[in-house]
Amino acid sequence: MLRWLEVFGRYSFDVHNSGIDGDDMWNRLGPLHEYATRDREGFLSALRDLVAGDQGGFATFGAARLVWEMYSGDALHISSALPLIDAGIEFKKSRGLPTLMFTGYEMQRLDQTRRHAG
C-alpha cells in the first residue's frame, strides 16, 4: 500500500507527465472507498501510520490526495483527516508551488489554518 500511495502521489502531482497509467490508479479507489466509508477512523489512522516514516514525500502526498478522493470537501470537517491534508499542502509548499497549483479544497484548508493562527 505504501508503494501504491507513492505512485498515486506522483500521478496526482503531474497527471499528464508522470508516465503512470491512470486506470491502474483509479481501479483501486472503489475497494478503498468501501473501507474508508465503513471505518473512517480506522482508515485514516492506517493512512497516517503508513506515511509516518515518509517524511513529506510522494507517499504522503498520495495519502492526502486519497483523503480528498474519499471524502471530498467533508474532509475539512474530519479532525483526523486534517494532519494528512496539511501534510499534502506542506508537500506542495515545500516545492515552492504557487497557490495557483493548489486545489480549491487545499485553499479552503489554508484559509482555515490562517484564520485559526490569528
Protein backbone atom coordinates (compact mmCIF):
# COMPACT_ATOMS: atom_id res chain seq x y z
CA MET A 1 0.00 0.00 0.00
CA LEU A 2 2.85 2.42 0.76
CA ARG A 3 4.24 1.88 -2.73
CA TRP A 4 0.80 2.48 -4.26
CA LEU A 5 0.45 5.71 -2.25
CA GLU A 6 3.81 6.87 -3.60
CA VAL A 7 2.77 6.10 -7.18
CA PHE A 8 -0.63 7.72 -6.61
CA GLY A 9 1.15 10.78 -5.25
CA ARG A 10 3.41 11.00 -8.28
CA TYR A 11 0.46 10.50 -10.60
CA SER A 12 -1.65 13.12 -8.79
CA PHE A 13 1.21 15.61 -8.74
CA ASP A 14 1.64 15.52 -12.53
CA VAL A 15 -1.13 13.54 -14.22
CA HIS A 16 -0.05 14.41 -17.75
CA ASN A 17 3.70 13.91 -17.47
CA SER A 18 4.03 11.23 -14.80
CA GLY A 19 4.01 8.34 -17.28
CA ILE A 20 1.73 6.45 -14.89
CA ASP A 21 -1.35 4.67 -16.20
CA GLY A 22 -4.35 6.38 -14.65
CA ASP A 23 -6.52 3.27 -14.96
CA ASP A 24 -4.25 1.48 -12.50
CA MET A 25 -4.68 4.35 -10.05
CA TRP A 26 -8.45 4.68 -10.27
CA ASN A 27 -9.22 0.94 -10.21
CA ARG A 28 -8.05 0.73 -6.62
CA LEU A 29 -10.25 3.56 -5.34
CA GLY A 30 -13.50 1.57 -5.26
CA PRO A 31 -12.37 -1.01 -2.69
CA LEU A 32 -10.61 1.71 -0.70
CA HIS A 33 -13.77 3.82 -0.67
CA GLU A 34 -15.71 0.95 0.85
CA TYR A 35 -13.20 0.68 3.71
CA ALA A 36 -12.85 4.46 4.06
CA THR A 37 -16.58 4.97 4.50
CA ARG A 38 -17.24 1.85 6.57
CA ASP A 39 -14.48 2.56 9.12
CA ARG A 40 -13.43 6.18 8.62
CA GLU A 41 -11.30 6.47 11.74
CA GLY A 42 -9.60 3.14 11.15
CA PHE A 43 -8.88 4.07 7.55
CA LEU A 44 -7.42 7.47 8.45
CA SER A 45 -5.38 6.01 11.29
CA ALA A 46 -3.94 3.35 8.97
CA LEU A 47 -3.08 6.04 6.39
CA ARG A 48 -1.30 8.17 8.99
CA ASP A 49 0.64 5.13 10.20
CA LEU A 50 1.61 4.16 6.65
CA VAL A 51 3.13 7.51 5.79
CA ALA A 52 4.62 8.29 9.20
CA GLY A 53 8.13 7.44 8.01
CA ASP A 54 7.75 9.02 4.57
CA GLN A 55 8.71 12.48 5.87
CA GLY A 56 6.75 14.50 3.38
CA GLY A 57 7.44 12.54 0.21
CA PHE A 58 5.19 11.35 -2.57
CA ALA A 59 3.51 8.69 -0.39
CA THR A 60 2.50 11.49 1.99
CA PHE A 61 1.09 13.49 -0.90
CA GLY A 62 -0.65 10.37 -2.21
CA ALA A 63 -2.29 9.86 1.18
CA ALA A 64 -3.50 13.46 1.19
CA ARG A 65 -4.92 13.08 -2.30
CA LEU A 66 -6.59 9.84 -1.25
CA VAL A 67 -8.31 11.64 1.63
CA TRP A 68 -9.75 14.16 -0.83
CA GLU A 69 -10.90 11.37 -3.13
CA MET A 70 -12.60 9.51 -0.30
CA TYR A 71 -14.29 12.41 1.50
CA SER A 72 -14.21 15.45 -0.83
CA GLY A 73 -14.95 18.69 0.98
CA ASP A 74 -16.23 16.80 4.02
CA ALA A 75 -12.58 16.04 4.78
CA LEU A 76 -12.22 19.62 6.02
CA HIS A 77 -14.56 18.73 8.89
CA ILE A 78 -12.89 15.46 9.90
CA SER A 79 -10.27 16.28 12.52
CA SER A 80 -8.39 13.01 12.00
CA ALA A 81 -8.06 13.80 8.27
CA LEU A 82 -6.53 17.23 8.79
CA PRO A 83 -2.95 16.07 9.55
CA LEU A 84 -2.89 14.19 6.24
CA ILE A 85 -4.38 17.13 4.37
CA ASP A 86 -1.91 19.53 5.99
CA ALA A 87 0.99 17.24 5.07
CA GLY A 88 -0.16 17.24 1.45
CA ILE A 89 -0.33 21.03 1.45
CA GLU A 90 3.12 21.21 3.02
CA PHE A 91 4.40 18.86 0.30
CA LYS A 92 3.33 21.41 -2.33
CA LYS A 93 4.57 24.41 -0.34
CA SER A 94 7.97 22.81 0.20
CA ARG A 95 8.37 22.52 -3.56
CA GLY A 96 7.68 26.22 -3.99
CA LEU A 97 4.44 25.75 -5.91
CA PRO A 98 2.35 28.89 -6.32
CA THR A 99 -1.13 28.82 -4.82
CA LEU A 100 -2.47 28.63 -8.37
CA MET A 101 -1.35 24.98 -8.26
CA PHE A 102 -3.43 24.26 -5.14
CA THR A 103 -6.91 22.77 -5.37
CA GLY A 104 -9.95 24.63 -4.11
CA TYR A 105 -10.10 22.29 -1.12
CA GLU A 106 -6.45 22.94 -0.31
CA MET A 107 -7.05 26.68 -0.50
CA GLN A 108 -10.02 26.29 1.85
CA ARG A 109 -7.80 24.44 4.33
CA LEU A 110 -5.07 27.08 4.06
CA ASP A 111 -7.70 29.71 4.81
CA GLN A 112 -8.89 27.69 7.84
CA THR A 113 -5.39 27.40 9.24
CA ARG A 114 -4.66 31.09 8.67
CA ARG A 115 -7.86 32.11 10.47
CA HIS A 116 -7.03 29.85 13.42
CA ALA A 117 -3.47 31.19 13.58
CA GLY A 118 -4.82 34.62 14.18
